[in-house]
PDB file of N, CA and C in Angstrom:
ATOM      1  N   MET A   1       0.866  -3.995   0.933  1.00  0.00           N
ATOM      2  CA  MET A   1       0.278  -2.858   1.558  1.00  0.00           C
ATOM      3  C   MET A   1       0.684  -2.912   3.021  1.00  0.00           C
ATOM      4  N   VAL A   2       1.137  -1.788   3.539  1.00  0.00           N
ATOM      5  CA  VAL A   2       1.560  -1.769   4.937  1.00  0.00           C
ATOM      6  C   VAL A   2       0.787  -0.711   5.712  1.00  0.00           C
ATOM      7  N   ALA A   3       0.501  -1.017   6.951  1.00  0.00           N
ATOM      8  CA  ALA A   3      -0.188  -0.103   7.860  1.00  0.00           C
ATOM      9  C   ALA A   3      -0.070  -0.685   9.259  1.00  0.00           C
ATOM     10  N   ASN A   4      -0.347   0.139  10.253  1.00  0.00           N
ATOM     11  CA  ASN A   4      -0.402  -0.376  11.620  1.00  0.00           C
ATOM     12  C   ASN A   4      -1.405   0.435  12.416  1.00  0.00           C
ATOM     13  N   GLY A   5      -1.673  -0.022  13.614  1.00  0.00           N
ATOM     14  CA  GLY A   5      -2.613   0.685  14.487  1.00  0.00           C
ATOM     15  C   GLY A   5      -3.986   0.816  13.851  1.00  0.00           C
ATOM     16  N   GLY A   6      -4.542   2.023  13.949  1.00  0.00           N
ATOM     17  CA  GLY A   6      -5.871   2.288  13.414  1.00  0.00           C
ATOM     18  C   GLY A   6      -5.955   2.231  11.901  1.00  0.00           C
ATOM     19  N   SER A   7      -4.819   2.245  11.232  1.00  0.00           N
ATOM     20  CA  SER A   7      -4.797   2.199   9.770  1.00  0.00           C
ATOM     21  C   SER A   7      -4.832   0.772   9.224  1.00  0.00           C
ATOM     22  N   LEU A   8      -4.640  -0.218  10.076  1.00  0.00           N
ATOM     23  CA  LEU A   8      -4.554  -1.597   9.617  1.00  0.00           C
ATOM     24  C   LEU A   8      -5.867  -2.094   9.015  1.00  0.00           C
ATOM     25  N   ALA A   9      -6.989  -1.848   9.666  1.00  0.00           N
ATOM     26  CA  ALA A   9      -8.279  -2.333   9.149  1.00  0.00           C
ATOM     27  C   ALA A   9      -8.602  -1.731   7.784  1.00  0.00           C
ATOM     28  N   PRO A  10      -8.447  -0.418   7.575  1.00  0.00           N
ATOM     29  CA  PRO A  10      -8.696   0.124   6.227  1.00  0.00           C
ATOM     30  C   PRO A  10      -7.751  -0.460   5.178  1.00  0.00           C
ATOM     31  N   ALA A  11      -6.488  -0.704   5.540  1.00  0.00           N
ATOM     32  CA  ALA A  11      -5.528  -1.289   4.591  1.00  0.00           C
ATOM     33  C   ALA A  11      -5.951  -2.699   4.208  1.00  0.00           C
ATOM     34  N   GLN A  12      -6.359  -3.493   5.175  1.00  0.00           N
ATOM     35  CA  GLN A  12      -6.783  -4.854   4.874  1.00  0.00           C
ATOM     36  C   GLN A  12      -8.076  -4.860   4.064  1.00  0.00           C
ATOM     37  N   SER A  13      -8.958  -3.916   4.329  1.00  0.00           N
ATOM     38  CA  SER A  13     -10.186  -3.795   3.545  1.00  0.00           C
ATOM     39  C   SER A  13      -9.858  -3.456   2.093  1.00  0.00           C
ATOM     40  N   LEU A  14      -8.924  -2.534   1.885  1.00  0.00           N
ATOM     41  CA  LEU A  14      -8.516  -2.172   0.532  1.00  0.00           C
ATOM     42  C   LEU A  14      -7.857  -3.351  -0.174  1.00  0.00           C
ATOM     43  N   ALA A  15      -7.033  -4.099   0.544  1.00  0.00           N
ATOM     44  CA  ALA A  15      -6.391  -5.284  -0.041  1.00  0.00           C
ATOM     45  C   ALA A  15      -7.446  -6.302  -0.486  1.00  0.00           C
ATOM     46  N   LEU A  16      -8.481  -6.490   0.311  1.00  0.00           N
ATOM     47  CA  LEU A  16      -9.551  -7.417  -0.070  1.00  0.00           C
ATOM     48  C   LEU A  16     -10.296  -6.936  -1.309  1.00  0.00           C
ATOM     49  N   ARG A  17     -10.467  -5.625  -1.428  1.00  0.00           N
ATOM     50  CA  ARG A  17     -11.131  -5.080  -2.619  1.00  0.00           C
ATOM     51  C   ARG A  17     -10.291  -5.326  -3.865  1.00  0.00           C
ATOM     52  N   PHE A  18      -8.961  -5.154  -3.730  1.00  0.00           N
ATOM     53  CA  PHE A  18      -8.076  -5.449  -4.848  1.00  0.00           C
ATOM     54  C   PHE A  18      -8.177  -6.932  -5.221  1.00  0.00           C
ATOM     55  N   LEU A  19      -8.156  -7.805  -4.218  1.00  0.00           N
ATOM     56  CA  LEU A  19      -8.267  -9.239  -4.480  1.00  0.00           C
ATOM     57  C   LEU A  19      -9.575  -9.576  -5.181  1.00  0.00           C
ATOM     58  N   ALA A  20     -10.666  -8.946  -4.744  1.00  0.00           N
ATOM     59  CA  ALA A  20     -11.970  -9.189  -5.359  1.00  0.00           C
ATOM     60  C   ALA A  20     -11.986  -8.741  -6.820  1.00  0.00           C
ATOM     61  N   ALA A  21     -11.144  -7.761  -7.149  1.00  0.00           N
ATOM     62  CA  ALA A  21     -11.047  -7.273  -8.529  1.00  0.00           C
ATOM     63  C   ALA A  21     -10.040  -8.069  -9.346  1.00  0.00           C
ATOM     64  N   GLY A  22      -9.443  -9.092  -8.720  1.00  0.00           N
ATOM     65  CA  GLY A  22      -8.499  -9.938  -9.430  1.00  0.00           C
ATOM     66  C   GLY A  22      -7.061  -9.471  -9.383  1.00  0.00           C
ATOM     67  N   VAL A  23      -6.772  -8.511  -8.524  1.00  0.00           N
ATOM     68  CA  VAL A  23      -5.406  -8.005  -8.383  1.00  0.00           C
ATOM     69  C   VAL A  23      -4.805  -8.594  -7.114  1.00  0.00           C
ATOM     70  N   GLY A  24      -3.682  -9.285  -7.240  1.00  0.00           N
ATOM     71  CA  GLY A  24      -3.053  -9.919  -6.085  1.00  0.00           C
ATOM     72  C   GLY A  24      -2.440  -8.905  -5.128  1.00  0.00           C
ATOM     73  N   TRP A  25      -2.868  -8.919  -3.886  1.00  0.00           N
ATOM     74  CA  TRP A  25      -2.361  -7.996  -2.860  1.00  0.00           C
ATOM     75  C   TRP A  25      -2.169  -8.728  -1.555  1.00  0.00           C
ATOM     76  N   GLU A  26      -1.277  -8.198  -0.740  1.00  0.00           N
ATOM     77  CA  GLU A  26      -1.087  -8.679   0.622  1.00  0.00           C
ATOM     78  C   GLU A  26      -1.118  -7.475   1.550  1.00  0.00           C
ATOM     79  N   ALA A  27      -1.632  -7.691   2.745  1.00  0.00           N
ATOM     80  CA  ALA A  27      -1.629  -6.651   3.781  1.00  0.00           C
ATOM     81  C   ALA A  27      -1.256  -7.317   5.095  1.00  0.00           C
ATOM     82  N   PRO A  28       0.045  -7.631   5.290  1.00  0.00           N
ATOM     83  CA  PRO A  28       0.461  -8.299   6.529  1.00  0.00           C
ATOM     84  C   PRO A  28       0.120  -7.445   7.747  1.00  0.00           C
ATOM     85  N   SER A  29      -0.313  -8.114   8.809  1.00  0.00           N
ATOM     86  CA  SER A  29      -0.800  -7.374   9.975  1.00  0.00           C
ATOM     87  C   SER A  29       0.264  -7.079  11.022  1.00  0.00           C
ATOM     88  N   ASP A  30       1.404  -7.744  10.958  1.00  0.00           N
ATOM     89  CA  ASP A  30       2.426  -7.469  11.986  1.00  0.00           C
ATOM     90  C   ASP A  30       3.696  -6.932  11.333  1.00  0.00           C
ATOM     91  N   ILE A  31       4.475  -6.231  12.102  1.00  0.00           N
ATOM     92  CA  ILE A  31       5.651  -5.534  11.589  1.00  0.00           C
ATOM     93  C   ILE A  31       6.692  -6.492  11.013  1.00  0.00           C
ATOM     94  N   VAL A  32       6.855  -7.657  11.603  1.00  0.00           N
ATOM     95  CA  VAL A  32       7.845  -8.613  11.100  1.00  0.00           C
ATOM     96  C   VAL A  32       7.446  -9.086   9.703  1.00  0.00           C
ATOM     97  N   SER A  33       6.180  -9.452   9.534  1.00  0.00           N
ATOM     98  CA  SER A  33       5.696  -9.873   8.211  1.00  0.00           C
ATOM     99  C   SER A  33       5.804  -8.741   7.199  1.00  0.00           C
ATOM    100  N   GLN A  34       5.557  -7.516   7.643  1.00  0.00           N
ATOM    101  CA  GLN A  34       5.678  -6.367   6.747  1.00  0.00           C
ATOM    102  C   GLN A  34       7.119  -6.209   6.277  1.00  0.00           C
ATOM    103  N   HIS A  35       8.080  -6.354   7.184  1.00  0.00           N
ATOM    104  CA  HIS A  35       9.493  -6.228   6.815  1.00  0.00           C
ATOM    105  C   HIS A  35       9.910  -7.339   5.851  1.00  0.00           C
ATOM    106  N   ILE A  36       9.475  -8.549   6.118  1.00  0.00           N
ATOM    107  CA  ILE A  36       9.824  -9.673   5.240  1.00  0.00           C
ATOM    108  C   ILE A  36       9.216  -9.470   3.853  1.00  0.00           C
ATOM    109  N   THR A  37       7.954  -9.073   3.813  1.00  0.00           N
ATOM    110  CA  THR A  37       7.291  -8.835   2.534  1.00  0.00           C
ATOM    111  C   THR A  37       7.987  -7.714   1.765  1.00  0.00           C
ATOM    112  N   ALA A  38       8.349  -6.640   2.459  1.00  0.00           N
ATOM    113  CA  ALA A  38       9.044  -5.527   1.809  1.00  0.00           C
ATOM    114  C   ALA A  38      10.389  -5.965   1.248  1.00  0.00           C
ATOM    115  N   LYS A  39      11.082  -6.814   1.971  1.00  0.00           N
ATOM    116  CA  LYS A  39      12.390  -7.305   1.532  1.00  0.00           C
ATOM    117  C   LYS A  39      12.265  -8.135   0.252  1.00  0.00           C
ATOM    118  N   LEU A  40      11.112  -8.782   0.060  1.00  0.00           N
ATOM    119  CA  LEU A  40      10.908  -9.645  -1.099  1.00  0.00           C
ATOM    120  C   LEU A  40      10.340  -8.922  -2.318  1.00  0.00           C
ATOM    121  N   LEU A  41      10.102  -7.608  -2.211  1.00  0.00           N
ATOM    122  CA  LEU A  41       9.577  -6.868  -3.354  1.00  0.00           C
ATOM    123  C   LEU A  41      10.587  -6.864  -4.493  1.00  0.00           C
ATOM    124  N   SER A  42      10.062  -6.905  -5.711  1.00  0.00           N
ATOM    125  CA  SER A  42      10.935  -6.850  -6.877  1.00  0.00           C
ATOM    126  C   SER A  42      10.580  -5.612  -7.705  1.00  0.00           C
ATOM    127  N   ALA A  43      11.270  -5.450  -8.815  1.00  0.00           N
ATOM    128  CA  ALA A  43      11.120  -4.240  -9.633  1.00  0.00           C
ATOM    129  C   ALA A  43       9.681  -4.004 -10.093  1.00  0.00           C
ATOM    130  N   GLY A  44       8.908  -5.037 -10.331  1.00  0.00           N
ATOM    131  CA  GLY A  44       7.545  -4.859 -10.811  1.00  0.00           C
ATOM    132  C   GLY A  44       6.499  -4.724  -9.726  1.00  0.00           C
ATOM    133  N   ASP A  45       6.903  -4.755  -8.459  1.00  0.00           N
ATOM    134  CA  ASP A  45       5.963  -4.702  -7.343  1.00  0.00           C
ATOM    135  C   ASP A  45       5.705  -3.265  -6.898  1.00  0.00           C
ATOM    136  N   VAL A  46       4.587  -3.097  -6.206  1.00  0.00           N
ATOM    137  CA  VAL A  46       4.210  -1.796  -5.646  1.00  0.00           C
ATOM    138  C   VAL A  46       3.904  -1.996  -4.170  1.00  0.00           C
ATOM    139  N   CYS A  47       4.377  -1.073  -3.344  1.00  0.00           N
ATOM    140  CA  CYS A  47       4.053  -1.083  -1.917  1.00  0.00           C
ATOM    141  C   CYS A  47       3.274   0.182  -1.601  1.00  0.00           C
ATOM    142  N   ILE A  48       2.108   0.024  -1.007  1.00  0.00           N
ATOM    143  CA  ILE A  48       1.290   1.168  -0.612  1.00  0.00           C
ATOM    144  C   ILE A  48       1.249   1.225   0.902  1.00  0.00           C
ATOM    145  N   ALA A  49       1.611   2.375   1.441  1.00  0.00           N
ATOM    146  CA  ALA A  49       1.543   2.588   2.885  1.00  0.00           C
ATOM    147  C   ALA A  49       0.245   3.333   3.181  1.00  0.00           C
ATOM    148  N   VAL A  50      -0.547   2.791   4.086  1.00  0.00           N
ATOM    149  CA  VAL A  50      -1.842   3.378   4.419  1.00  0.00           C
ATOM    150  C   VAL A  50      -1.753   4.035   5.783  1.00  0.00           C
ATOM    151  N   SER A  51      -2.232   5.274   5.852  1.00  0.00           N
ATOM    152  CA  SER A  51      -2.266   5.982   7.129  1.00  0.00           C
ATOM    153  C   SER A  51      -3.584   6.725   7.245  1.00  0.00           C
ATOM    154  N   THR A  52      -4.215   6.600   8.395  1.00  0.00           N
ATOM    155  CA  THR A  52      -5.442   7.342   8.656  1.00  0.00           C
ATOM    156  C   THR A  52      -5.160   8.551   9.540  1.00  0.00           C
ATOM    157  N   ALA A  53      -3.874   8.843   9.762  1.00  0.00           N
ATOM    158  CA  ALA A  53      -3.501  10.001  10.575  1.00  0.00           C
ATOM    159  C   ALA A  53      -3.864  11.288   9.832  1.00  0.00           C
ATOM    160  N   ASP A  54      -4.241  12.300  10.587  1.00  0.00           N
ATOM    161  CA  ASP A  54      -4.614  13.582  10.003  1.00  0.00           C
ATOM    162  C   ASP A  54      -3.433  14.536  10.146  1.00  0.00           C
ATOM    163  N   SER A  55      -2.568  14.516   9.147  1.00  0.00           N
ATOM    164  CA  SER A  55      -1.360  15.332   9.177  1.00  0.00           C
ATOM    165  C   SER A  55      -1.088  15.855   7.776  1.00  0.00           C
ATOM    166  N   PRO A  56      -0.829  17.153   7.616  1.00  0.00           N
ATOM    167  CA  PRO A  56      -0.543  17.696   6.287  1.00  0.00           C
ATOM    168  C   PRO A  56       0.659  17.023   5.614  1.00  0.00           C
ATOM    169  N   GLU A  57       1.682  16.685   6.387  1.00  0.00           N
ATOM    170  CA  GLU A  57       2.858  16.040   5.806  1.00  0.00           C
ATOM    171  C   GLU A  57       2.514  14.664   5.263  1.00  0.00           C
ATOM    172  N   ILE A  58       1.722  13.915   6.025  1.00  0.00           N
ATOM    173  CA  ILE A  58       1.319  12.578   5.585  1.00  0.00           C
ATOM    174  C   ILE A  58       0.419  12.685   4.372  1.00  0.00           C
ATOM    175  N   GLU A  59      -0.492  13.650   4.357  1.00  0.00           N
ATOM    176  CA  GLU A  59      -1.380  13.816   3.212  1.00  0.00           C
ATOM    177  C   GLU A  59      -0.599  14.149   1.947  1.00  0.00           C
ATOM    178  N   ARG A  60       0.433  14.999   2.050  1.00  0.00           N
ATOM    179  CA  ARG A  60       1.263  15.322   0.884  1.00  0.00           C
ATOM    180  C   ARG A  60       2.005  14.080   0.396  1.00  0.00           C
ATOM    181  N   ALA A  61       2.537  13.299   1.324  1.00  0.00           N
ATOM    182  CA  ALA A  61       3.259  12.078   0.948  1.00  0.00           C
ATOM    183  C   ALA A  61       2.309  11.080   0.285  1.00  0.00           C
ATOM    184  N   GLN A  62       1.110  10.941   0.829  1.00  0.00           N
ATOM    185  CA  GLN A  62       0.131  10.018   0.242  1.00  0.00           C
ATOM    186  C   GLN A  62      -0.246  10.470  -1.166  1.00  0.00           C
ATOM    187  N   SER A  63      -0.414  11.760  -1.360  1.00  0.00           N
ATOM    188  CA  SER A  63      -0.751  12.271  -2.689  1.00  0.00           C
ATOM    189  C   SER A  63       0.363  11.995  -3.685  1.00  0.00           C
ATOM    190  N   ALA A  64       1.601  12.167  -3.247  1.00  0.00           N
ATOM    191  CA  ALA A  64       2.743  11.911  -4.126  1.00  0.00           C
ATOM    192  C   ALA A  64       2.808  10.443  -4.513  1.00  0.00           C
ATOM    193  N   VAL A  65       2.586   9.561  -3.550  1.00  0.00           N
ATOM    194  CA  VAL A  65       2.597   8.124  -3.841  1.00  0.00           C
ATOM    195  C   VAL A  65       1.461   7.777  -4.791  1.00  0.00           C
ATOM    196  N   PHE A  66       0.279   8.333  -4.551  1.00  0.00           N
ATOM    197  CA  PHE A  66      -0.862   8.069  -5.423  1.00  0.00           C
ATOM    198  C   PHE A  66      -0.544   8.474  -6.852  1.00  0.00           C
ATOM    199  N   GLU A  67       0.025   9.660  -7.036  1.00  0.00           N
ATOM    200  CA  GLU A  67       0.367  10.132  -8.376  1.00  0.00           C
ATOM    201  C   GLU A  67       1.391   9.217  -9.044  1.00  0.00           C
ATOM    202  N   GLU A  68       2.371   8.745  -8.289  1.00  0.00           N
ATOM    203  CA  GLU A  68       3.393   7.859  -8.837  1.00  0.00           C
ATOM    204  C   GLU A  68       2.788   6.518  -9.253  1.00  0.00           C
ATOM    205  N   VAL A  69       1.924   5.955  -8.397  1.00  0.00           N
ATOM    206  CA  VAL A  69       1.282   4.676  -8.731  1.00  0.00           C
ATOM    207  C   VAL A  69       0.372   4.859  -9.939  1.00  0.00           C
ATOM    208  N   LEU A  70      -0.363   5.938  -9.983  1.00  0.00           N
ATOM    209  CA  LEU A  70      -1.246   6.204 -11.123  1.00  0.00           C
ATOM    210  C   LEU A  70      -0.435   6.300 -12.413  1.00  0.00           C
ATOM    211  N   HIS A  71       0.699   6.967 -12.350  1.00  0.00           N
ATOM    212  CA  HIS A  71       1.581   7.068 -13.522  1.00  0.00           C
ATOM    213  C   HIS A  71       2.062   5.693 -13.966  1.00  0.00           C
ATOM    214  N   MET A  72       2.444   4.839 -13.010  1.00  0.00           N
ATOM    215  CA  MET A  72       2.924   3.507 -13.347  1.00  0.00           C
ATOM    216  C   MET A  72       1.811   2.661 -13.976  1.00  0.00           C
ATOM    217  N   VAL A  73       0.590   2.821 -13.486  1.00  0.00           N
ATOM    218  CA  VAL A  73      -0.536   2.055 -14.027  1.00  0.00           C
ATOM    219  C   VAL A  73      -0.868   2.531 -15.448  1.00  0.00           C
ATOM    220  N   GLU A  74      -0.835   3.846 -15.649  1.00  0.00           N
ATOM    221  CA  GLU A  74      -1.175   4.394 -16.952  1.00  0.00           C
ATOM    222  C   GLU A  74      -0.063   4.236 -17.979  1.00  0.00           C
ATOM    223  N   ASN A  75       1.182   4.070 -17.507  1.00  0.00           N
ATOM    224  CA  ASN A  75       2.340   3.968 -18.402  1.00  0.00           C
ATOM    225  C   ASN A  75       3.195   2.764 -18.070  1.00  0.00           C
ATOM    226  N   PRO A  76       2.644   1.561 -18.216  1.00  0.00           N
ATOM    227  CA  PRO A  76       3.446   0.367 -17.888  1.00  0.00           C
ATOM    228  C   PRO A  76       4.623   0.247 -18.857  1.00  0.00           C
ATOM    229  N   GLU A  77       5.721  -0.265 -18.343  1.00  0.00           N
ATOM    230  CA  GLU A  77       6.918  -0.418 -19.185  1.00  0.00           C
ATOM    231  C   GLU A  77       6.908  -1.725 -19.907  1.00  0.00           C
TER     232      GLU A  77
END
């Protein structure tokens, strides 16, 4: 899970909720760790970008990502 600025705390909170539910997640807090983690993603991994910005473009992108992740969860290969 990646986020920065004001979005970092909500992203880390969500990552902790996933961990509490038994789902392994990471939410690196600095950009270097985020880049390294992203580089290590494999075909079965998911990256969620969290933004608390109020922008129609960001909201559309977040909705698209949500739909894609939901599809992957409901239709595992």
